[in-house]
PDB file of all heavy atoms in Angstrom:
ATOM      1  N   ALA A   1      53.408   7.537  59.697  1.00  0.00           N
ATOM      2  CA  ALA A   1      52.334   8.414  59.252  1.00  0.00           C
ATOM      3  C   ALA A   1      51.101   8.206  60.138  1.00  0.00           C
ATOM      4  O   ALA A   1      50.950   7.181  60.791  1.00  0.00           O
ATOM      5  CB  ALA A   1      51.962   8.125  57.818  1.00  0.00           C
ATOM      6  N   ILE A   2      50.258   9.224  60.140  1.00  0.00           N
ATOM      7  CA  ILE A   2      48.938   9.129  60.748  1.00  0.00           C
ATOM      8  C   ILE A   2      47.942   8.938  59.607  1.00  0.00           C
ATOM      9  O   ILE A   2      47.943   9.687  58.624  1.00  0.00           O
ATOM     10  CB  ILE A   2      48.594  10.418  61.539  1.00  0.00           C
ATOM     11  CG1 ILE A   2      49.517  10.572  62.748  1.00  0.00           C
ATOM     12  CG2 ILE A   2      47.117  10.426  61.966  1.00  0.00           C
ATOM     13  CD1 ILE A   2      49.395   9.489  63.803  1.00  0.00           C
ATOM     14  N   PHE A   3      47.083   7.934  59.749  1.00  0.00           N
ATOM     15  CA  PHE A   3      45.989   7.694  58.817  1.00  0.00           C
ATOM     16  C   PHE A   3      44.683   8.029  59.539  1.00  0.00           C
ATOM     17  O   PHE A   3      44.462   7.554  60.654  1.00  0.00           O
ATOM     18  CB  PHE A   3      45.887   6.221  58.414  1.00  0.00           C
ATOM     19  CG  PHE A   3      46.946   5.694  57.480  1.00  0.00           C
ATOM     20  CD1 PHE A   3      48.034   6.463  57.087  1.00  0.00           C
ATOM     21  CD2 PHE A   3      46.823   4.396  57.000  1.00  0.00           C
ATOM     22  CE1 PHE A   3      48.984   5.940  56.217  1.00  0.00           C
ATOM     23  CE2 PHE A   3      47.759   3.879  56.128  1.00  0.00           C
ATOM     24  CZ  PHE A   3      48.842   4.644  55.741  1.00  0.00           C
ATOM     25  N   VAL A   4      43.834   8.801  58.900  1.00  0.00           N
ATOM     26  CA  VAL A   4      42.478   9.034  59.397  1.00  0.00           C
ATOM     27  C   VAL A   4      41.534   8.727  58.251  1.00  0.00           C
ATOM     28  O   VAL A   4      41.643   9.322  57.167  1.00  0.00           O
ATOM     29  CB  VAL A   4      42.278  10.486  59.882  1.00  0.00           C
ATOM     30  CG1 VAL A   4      40.816  10.723  60.276  1.00  0.00           C
ATOM     31  CG2 VAL A   4      43.194  10.805  61.060  1.00  0.00           C
ATOM     32  N   THR A   5      40.630   7.792  58.470  1.00  0.00           N
ATOM     33  CA  THR A   5      39.690   7.392  57.429  1.00  0.00           C
ATOM     34  C   THR A   5      38.299   7.893  57.818  1.00  0.00           C
ATOM     35  O   THR A   5      37.825   7.646  58.929  1.00  0.00           O
ATOM     36  CB  THR A   5      39.672   5.852  57.282  1.00  0.00           C
ATOM     37  OG1 THR A   5      41.021   5.410  57.078  1.00  0.00           O
ATOM     38  CG2 THR A   5      38.807   5.423  56.109  1.00  0.00           C
ATOM     39  N   VAL A   6      37.672   8.616  56.902  1.00  0.00           N
ATOM     40  CA  VAL A   6      36.352   9.196  57.135  1.00  0.00           C
ATOM     41  C   VAL A   6      35.431   8.911  55.970  1.00  0.00           C
ATOM     42  O   VAL A   6      35.878   8.642  54.846  1.00  0.00           O
ATOM     43  CB  VAL A   6      36.429  10.720  57.377  1.00  0.00           C
ATOM     44  CG1 VAL A   6      37.281  11.042  58.602  1.00  0.00           C
ATOM     45  CG2 VAL A   6      36.934  11.465  56.163  1.00  0.00           C
ATOM     46  N   THR A   7      34.140   8.992  56.230  1.00  0.00           N
ATOM     47  CA  THR A   7      33.167   8.907  55.167  1.00  0.00           C
ATOM     48  C   THR A   7      33.192  10.206  54.376  1.00  0.00           C
ATOM     49  O   THR A   7      33.821  11.188  54.774  1.00  0.00           O
ATOM     50  CB  THR A   7      31.736   8.708  55.725  1.00  0.00           C
ATOM     51  OG1 THR A   7      31.418   9.856  56.524  1.00  0.00           O
ATOM     52  CG2 THR A   7      31.621   7.440  56.549  1.00  0.00           C
ATOM     53  N   ARG A   8      32.469  10.238  53.266  1.00  0.00           N
ATOM     54  CA  ARG A   8      32.424  11.452  52.457  1.00  0.00           C
ATOM     55  C   ARG A   8      31.865  12.647  53.217  1.00  0.00           C
ATOM     56  O   ARG A   8      32.185  13.795  52.918  1.00  0.00           O
ATOM     57  CB  ARG A   8      31.594  11.216  51.189  1.00  0.00           C
ATOM     58  CG  ARG A   8      32.297  10.367  50.190  1.00  0.00           C
ATOM     59  CD  ARG A   8      31.434  10.170  48.977  1.00  0.00           C
ATOM     60  NE  ARG A   8      32.179   9.435  47.964  1.00  0.00           N
ATOM     61  CZ  ARG A   8      31.619   8.758  46.993  1.00  0.00           C
ATOM     62  NH1 ARG A   8      30.299   8.725  46.886  1.00  0.00           N
ATOM     63  NH2 ARG A   8      32.354   8.137  46.101  1.00  0.00           N
ATOM     64  N   ASP A   9      31.039  12.385  54.227  1.00  0.00           N
ATOM     65  CA  ASP A   9      30.465  13.492  55.006  1.00  0.00           C
ATOM     66  C   ASP A   9      31.250  13.770  56.280  1.00  0.00           C
ATOM     67  O   ASP A   9      30.817  14.523  57.143  1.00  0.00           O
ATOM     68  CB  ASP A   9      28.994  13.269  55.308  1.00  0.00           C
ATOM     69  CG  ASP A   9      28.735  12.011  56.141  1.00  0.00           C
ATOM     70  OD1 ASP A   9      29.703  11.305  56.474  1.00  0.00           O
ATOM     71  OD2 ASP A   9      27.576  11.765  56.470  1.00  0.00           O
ATOM     72  N   GLY A  10      32.450  13.149  56.414  1.00  0.00           N
ATOM     73  CA  GLY A  10      33.344  13.473  57.534  1.00  0.00           C
ATOM     74  C   GLY A  10      33.196  12.636  58.779  1.00  0.00           C
ATOM     75  O   GLY A  10      33.821  12.940  59.781  1.00  0.00           O
ATOM     76  N   ALA A  11      32.380  11.589  58.758  1.00  0.00           N
ATOM     77  CA  ALA A  11      32.250  10.719  59.947  1.00  0.00           C
ATOM     78  C   ALA A  11      33.499   9.842  60.079  1.00  0.00           C
ATOM     79  O   ALA A  11      33.937   9.229  59.104  1.00  0.00           O
ATOM     80  CB  ALA A  11      30.992   9.850  59.821  1.00  0.00           C
ATOM     81  N   LEU A  12      34.046   9.797  61.271  1.00  0.00           N
ATOM     82  CA  LEU A  12      35.258   9.040  61.522  1.00  0.00           C
ATOM     83  C   LEU A  12      34.988   7.535  61.469  1.00  0.00           C
ATOM     84  O   LEU A  12      34.097   7.031  62.138  1.00  0.00           O
ATOM     85  CB  LEU A  12      35.827   9.408  62.901  1.00  0.00           C
ATOM     86  CG  LEU A  12      37.098   8.692  63.321  1.00  0.00           C
ATOM     87  CD1 LEU A  12      38.269   9.055  62.425  1.00  0.00           C
ATOM     88  CD2 LEU A  12      37.405   9.010  64.786  1.00  0.00           C
ATOM     89  N   LEU A  13      35.796   6.836  60.669  1.00  0.00           N
ATOM     90  CA  LEU A  13      35.723   5.380  60.582  1.00  0.00           C
ATOM     91  C   LEU A  13      36.904   4.681  61.224  1.00  0.00           C
ATOM     92  O   LEU A  13      36.779   3.601  61.777  1.00  0.00           O
ATOM     93  CB  LEU A  13      35.623   4.948  59.112  1.00  0.00           C
ATOM     94  CG  LEU A  13      34.423   5.449  58.321  1.00  0.00           C
ATOM     95  CD1 LEU A  13      34.569   5.073  56.852  1.00  0.00           C
ATOM     96  CD2 LEU A  13      33.135   4.878  58.901  1.00  0.00           C
ATOM     97  N   ASP A  14      38.083   5.314  61.128  1.00  0.00           N
ATOM     98  CA  ASP A  14      39.297   4.663  61.615  1.00  0.00           C
ATOM     99  C   ASP A  14      40.388   5.708  61.760  1.00  0.00           C
ATOM    100  O   ASP A  14      40.426   6.684  60.994  1.00  0.00           O
ATOM    101  CB  ASP A  14      39.745   3.597  60.587  1.00  0.00           C
ATOM    102  CG  ASP A  14      40.894   2.745  61.087  1.00  0.00           C
ATOM    103  OD1 ASP A  14      40.673   1.849  61.896  1.00  0.00           O
ATOM    104  OD2 ASP A  14      42.054   3.014  60.669  1.00  0.00           O
ATOM    105  N   ARG A  15      41.272   5.513  62.724  1.00  0.00           N
ATOM    106  CA  ARG A  15      42.473   6.337  62.869  1.00  0.00           C
ATOM    107  C   ARG A  15      43.558   5.461  63.417  1.00  0.00           C
ATOM    108  O   ARG A  15      43.331   4.585  64.254  1.00  0.00           O
ATOM    109  CB  ARG A  15      42.211   7.529  63.783  1.00  0.00           C
ATOM    110  CG  ARG A  15      41.852   7.111  65.182  1.00  0.00           C
ATOM    111  CD  ARG A  15      41.590   8.281  66.086  1.00  0.00           C
ATOM    112  NE  ARG A  15      40.890   7.808  67.264  1.00  0.00           N
ATOM    113  CZ  ARG A  15      40.870   8.425  68.407  1.00  0.00           C
ATOM    114  NH1 ARG A  15      41.488   9.566  68.541  1.00  0.00           N
ATOM    115  NH2 ARG A  15      40.220   7.934  69.439  1.00  0.00           N
ATOM    116  N   ARG A  16      44.769   5.725  62.953  1.00  0.00           N
ATOM    117  CA  ARG A  16      45.904   4.898  63.400  1.00  0.00           C
ATOM    118  C   ARG A  16      47.231   5.554  63.032  1.00  0.00           C
ATOM    119  O   ARG A  16      47.284   6.322  62.090  1.00  0.00           O
ATOM    120  CB  ARG A  16      45.837   3.495  62.836  1.00  0.00           C
ATOM    121  CG  ARG A  16      45.917   3.456  61.318  1.00  0.00           C
ATOM    122  CD  ARG A  16      45.693   2.075  60.722  1.00  0.00           C
ATOM    123  NE  ARG A  16      44.340   1.630  60.939  1.00  0.00           N
ATOM    124  CZ  ARG A  16      44.003   0.348  61.063  1.00  0.00           C
ATOM    125  NH1 ARG A  16      44.906  -0.587  60.958  1.00  0.00           N
ATOM    126  NH2 ARG A  16      42.753   0.013  61.287  1.00  0.00           N
ATOM    127  N   ARG A  17      48.239   5.210  63.780  1.00  0.00           N
ATOM    128  CA  ARG A  17      49.623   5.541  63.423  1.00  0.00           C
ATOM    129  C   ARG A  17      50.215   4.315  62.763  1.00  0.00           C
ATOM    130  O   ARG A  17      50.028   3.194  63.277  1.00  0.00           O
ATOM    131  CB  ARG A  17      50.424   5.937  64.658  1.00  0.00           C
ATOM    132  CG  ARG A  17      51.871   6.230  64.343  1.00  0.00           C
ATOM    133  CD  ARG A  17      52.707   6.407  65.591  1.00  0.00           C
ATOM    134  NE  ARG A  17      54.103   6.204  65.289  1.00  0.00           N
ATOM    135  CZ  ARG A  17      55.056   7.092  65.521  1.00  0.00           C
ATOM    136  NH1 ARG A  17      54.773   8.243  66.102  1.00  0.00           N
ATOM    137  NH2 ARG A  17      56.308   6.830  65.211  1.00  0.00           N
ATOM    138  N   VAL A  18      50.911   4.488  61.669  1.00  0.00           N
ATOM    139  CA  VAL A  18      51.515   3.357  60.963  1.00  0.00           C
ATOM    140  C   VAL A  18      53.011   3.598  60.788  1.00  0.00           C
ATOM    141  O   VAL A  18      53.461   4.730  60.595  1.00  0.00           O
ATOM    142  CB  VAL A  18      50.853   3.091  59.596  1.00  0.00           C
ATOM    143  CG1 VAL A  18      49.379   2.765  59.759  1.00  0.00           C
ATOM    144  CG2 VAL A  18      51.043   4.257  58.642  1.00  0.00           C
ATOM    145  N   GLU A  19      53.764   2.534  60.876  1.00  0.00           N
ATOM    146  CA  GLU A  19      55.209   2.587  60.621  1.00  0.00           C
ATOM    147  C   GLU A  19      55.408   2.303  59.132  1.00  0.00           C
ATOM    148  O   GLU A  19      54.754   1.436  58.559  1.00  0.00           O
ATOM    149  CB  GLU A  19      55.945   1.544  61.467  1.00  0.00           C
ATOM    150  CG  GLU A  19      55.799   1.779  62.949  1.00  0.00           C
ATOM    151  CD  GLU A  19      56.313   3.122  63.428  1.00  0.00           C
ATOM    152  OE1 GLU A  19      57.348   3.594  62.903  1.00  0.00           O
ATOM    153  OE2 GLU A  19      55.677   3.722  64.326  1.00  0.00           O
ATOM    154  N   LEU A  20      56.333   3.036  58.522  1.00  0.00           N
ATOM    155  CA  LEU A  20      56.551   2.910  57.084  1.00  0.00           C
ATOM    156  C   LEU A  20      57.957   2.416  56.716  1.00  0.00           C
ATOM    157  O   LEU A  20      58.321   2.444  55.542  1.00  0.00           O
ATOM    158  CB  LEU A  20      56.285   4.256  56.391  1.00  0.00           C
ATOM    159  CG  LEU A  20      54.823   4.722  56.462  1.00  0.00           C
ATOM    160  CD1 LEU A  20      54.686   6.125  55.903  1.00  0.00           C
ATOM    161  CD2 LEU A  20      53.919   3.747  55.713  1.00  0.00           C
ATOM    162  N   VAL A  21      58.697   1.951  57.705  1.00  0.00           N
ATOM    163  CA  VAL A  21      60.042   1.427  57.428  1.00  0.00           C
ATOM    164  C   VAL A  21      60.436   0.461  58.542  1.00  0.00           C
ATOM    165  O   VAL A  21      59.988   0.601  59.685  1.00  0.00           O
ATOM    166  CB  VAL A  21      61.071   2.585  57.293  1.00  0.00           C
ATOM    167  CG1 VAL A  21      61.265   3.319  58.617  1.00  0.00           C
ATOM    168  CG2 VAL A  21      62.387   2.122  56.715  1.00  0.00           C
ATOM    169  N   ASP A  22      61.256  -0.518  58.199  1.00  0.00           N
ATOM    170  CA  ASP A  22      61.749  -1.470  59.186  1.00  0.00           C
ATOM    171  C   ASP A  22      62.540  -0.755  60.278  1.00  0.00           C
ATOM    172  O   ASP A  22      63.244   0.214  59.999  1.00  0.00           O
ATOM    173  CB  ASP A  22      62.659  -2.518  58.521  1.00  0.00           C
ATOM    174  CG  ASP A  22      61.894  -3.442  57.579  1.00  0.00           C
ATOM    175  OD1 ASP A  22      60.702  -3.679  57.821  1.00  0.00           O
ATOM    176  OD2 ASP A  22      62.513  -3.914  56.603  1.00  0.00           O
ATOM    177  N   ASP A  23      62.444  -1.265  61.483  1.00  0.00           N
ATOM    178  CA  ASP A  23      63.115  -0.642  62.637  1.00  0.00           C
ATOM    179  C   ASP A  23      64.629  -0.523  62.461  1.00  0.00           C
ATOM    180  O   ASP A  23      65.217   0.452  62.917  1.00  0.00           O
ATOM    181  CB  ASP A  23      62.854  -1.448  63.913  1.00  0.00           C
ATOM    182  CG  ASP A  23      61.417  -1.308  64.408  1.00  0.00           C
ATOM    183  OD1 ASP A  23      60.753  -0.336  64.014  1.00  0.00           O
ATOM    184  OD2 ASP A  23      60.987  -2.170  65.185  1.00  0.00           O
ATOM    185  N   GLU A  24      65.233  -1.496  61.808  1.00  0.00           N
ATOM    186  CA  GLU A  24      66.704  -1.474  61.698  1.00  0.00           C
ATOM    187  C   GLU A  24      67.222  -0.564  60.582  1.00  0.00           C
ATOM    188  O   GLU A  24      68.432  -0.374  60.444  1.00  0.00           O
ATOM    189  CB  GLU A  24      67.265  -2.894  61.516  1.00  0.00           C
ATOM    190  CG  GLU A  24      66.935  -3.535  60.184  1.00  0.00           C
ATOM    191  CD  GLU A  24      65.584  -4.254  60.140  1.00  0.00           C
ATOM    192  OE1 GLU A  24      64.810  -4.174  61.122  1.00  0.00           O
ATOM    193  OE2 GLU A  24      65.310  -4.893  59.117  1.00  0.00           O
ATOM    194  N   LEU A  25      66.317   0.024  59.817  1.00  0.00           N
ATOM    195  CA  LEU A  25      66.723   0.938  58.742  1.00  0.00           C
ATOM    196  C   LEU A  25      66.529   2.380  59.157  1.00  0.00           C
ATOM    197  O   LEU A  25      65.627   2.697  59.942  1.00  0.00           O
ATOM    198  CB  LEU A  25      65.917   0.643  57.469  1.00  0.00           C
ATOM    199  CG  LEU A  25      66.210  -0.662  56.770  1.00  0.00           C
ATOM    200  CD1 LEU A  25      65.203  -0.914  55.653  1.00  0.00           C
ATOM    201  CD2 LEU A  25      67.641  -0.674  56.219  1.00  0.00           C
ATOM    202  N   PRO A  26      67.336   3.296  58.604  1.00  0.00           N
ATOM    203  CA  PRO A  26      67.139   4.714  58.922  1.00  0.00           C
ATOM    204  C   PRO A  26      65.872   5.241  58.259  1.00  0.00           C
ATOM    205  O   PRO A  26      65.516   4.818  57.159  1.00  0.00           O
ATOM    206  CB  PRO A  26      68.377   5.371  58.333  1.00  0.00           C
ATOM    207  CG  PRO A  26      68.836   4.465  57.248  1.00  0.00           C
ATOM    208  CD  PRO A  26      68.466   3.080  57.705  1.00  0.00           C
ATOM    209  N   ALA A  27      65.200   6.145  58.940  1.00  0.00           N
ATOM    210  CA  ALA A  27      63.941   6.704  58.426  1.00  0.00           C
ATOM    211  C   ALA A  27      64.155   7.793  57.393  1.00  0.00           C
ATOM    212  O   ALA A  27      63.322   7.978  56.505  1.00  0.00           O
ATOM    213  CB  ALA A  27      63.102   7.241  59.591  1.00  0.00           C
ATOM    214  N   ILE A  28      65.236   8.533  57.499  1.00  0.00           N
ATOM    215  CA  ILE A  28      65.491   9.656  56.567  1.00  0.00           C
ATOM    216  C   ILE A  28      66.892   9.539  55.957  1.00  0.00           C
ATOM    217  O   ILE A  28      67.759  10.377  56.215  1.00  0.00           O
ATOM    218  CB  ILE A  28      65.238  11.024  57.243  1.00  0.00           C
ATOM    219  CG1 ILE A  28      66.011  11.142  58.543  1.00  0.00           C
ATOM    220  CG2 ILE A  28      63.755  11.256  57.459  1.00  0.00           C
ATOM    221  CD1 ILE A  28      65.953  12.551  59.147  1.00  0.00           C
ATOM    222  N   PRO A  29      67.101   8.511  55.132  1.00  0.00           N
ATOM    223  CA  PRO A  29      68.451   8.232  54.641  1.00  0.00           C
ATOM    224  C   PRO A  29      69.016   9.291  53.696  1.00  0.00           C
ATOM    225  O   PRO A  29      70.222   9.573  53.738  1.00  0.00           O
ATOM    226  CB  PRO A  29      68.301   6.888  53.939  1.00  0.00           C
ATOM    227  CG  PRO A  29      66.872   6.839  53.508  1.00  0.00           C
ATOM    228  CD  PRO A  29      66.132   7.534  54.635  1.00  0.00           C
ATOM    229  N   HIS A  30      68.206   9.858  52.802  1.00  0.00           N
ATOM    230  CA  HIS A  30      68.728  10.898  51.905  1.00  0.00           C
ATOM    231  C   HIS A  30      69.336  12.049  52.708  1.00  0.00           C
ATOM    232  O   HIS A  30      70.382  12.562  52.368  1.00  0.00           O
ATOM    233  CB  HIS A  30      67.616  11.501  51.024  1.00  0.00           C
ATOM    234  CG  HIS A  30      67.074  10.633  49.966  1.00  0.00           C
ATOM    235  ND1 HIS A  30      65.987   9.816  50.159  1.00  0.00           N
ATOM    236  CD2 HIS A  30      67.445  10.476  48.666  1.00  0.00           C
ATOM    237  CE1 HIS A  30      65.702   9.193  49.035  1.00  0.00           C
ATOM    238  NE2 HIS A  30      66.563   9.572  48.098  1.00  0.00           N
ATOM    239  N   HIS A  31      68.606  12.422  53.737  1.00  0.00           N
ATOM    240  CA  HIS A  31      68.968  13.617  54.499  1.00  0.00           C
ATOM    241  C   HIS A  31      70.149  13.384  55.458  1.00  0.00           C
ATOM    242  O   HIS A  31      70.937  14.294  55.692  1.00  0.00           O
ATOM    243  CB  HIS A  31      67.755  14.097  55.303  1.00  0.00           C
ATOM    244  CG  HIS A  31      68.003  15.327  56.100  1.00  0.00           C
ATOM    245  ND1 HIS A  31      68.213  16.552  55.529  1.00  0.00           N
ATOM    246  CD2 HIS A  31      68.125  15.511  57.429  1.00  0.00           C
ATOM    247  CE1 HIS A  31      68.421  17.455  56.464  1.00  0.00           C
ATOM    248  NE2 HIS A  31      68.371  16.846  57.643  1.00  0.00           N
ATOM    249  N   HIS A  32      70.260  12.177  55.986  1.00  0.00           N
ATOM    250  CA  HIS A  32      71.279  11.991  57.021  1.00  0.00           C
ATOM    251  C   HIS A  32      72.292  10.902  56.667  1.00  0.00           C
ATOM    252  O   HIS A  32      73.409  11.214  56.266  1.00  0.00           O
ATOM    253  CB  HIS A  32      70.614  11.680  58.362  1.00  0.00           C
ATOM    254  CG  HIS A  32      71.585  11.688  59.494  1.00  0.00           C
ATOM    255  ND1 HIS A  32      72.141  10.543  59.969  1.00  0.00           N
ATOM    256  CD2 HIS A  32      72.129  12.707  60.200  1.00  0.00           C
ATOM    257  CE1 HIS A  32      72.982  10.831  60.941  1.00  0.00           C
ATOM    258  NE2 HIS A  32      73.004  12.135  61.101  1.00  0.00           N
TER     259      HIS A  32
END
C-alpha cells in the first residue's frame, strides 16, 4: 500500500510504500 499522511489542512507530513505480507507468501491467495 501507499500511505500518505497529511495535516487537517493538507500539508504533507509523510509518504511511504509499505509491504503488507511476508515475501514468501502469496499476495492474493483467494484469487489465485
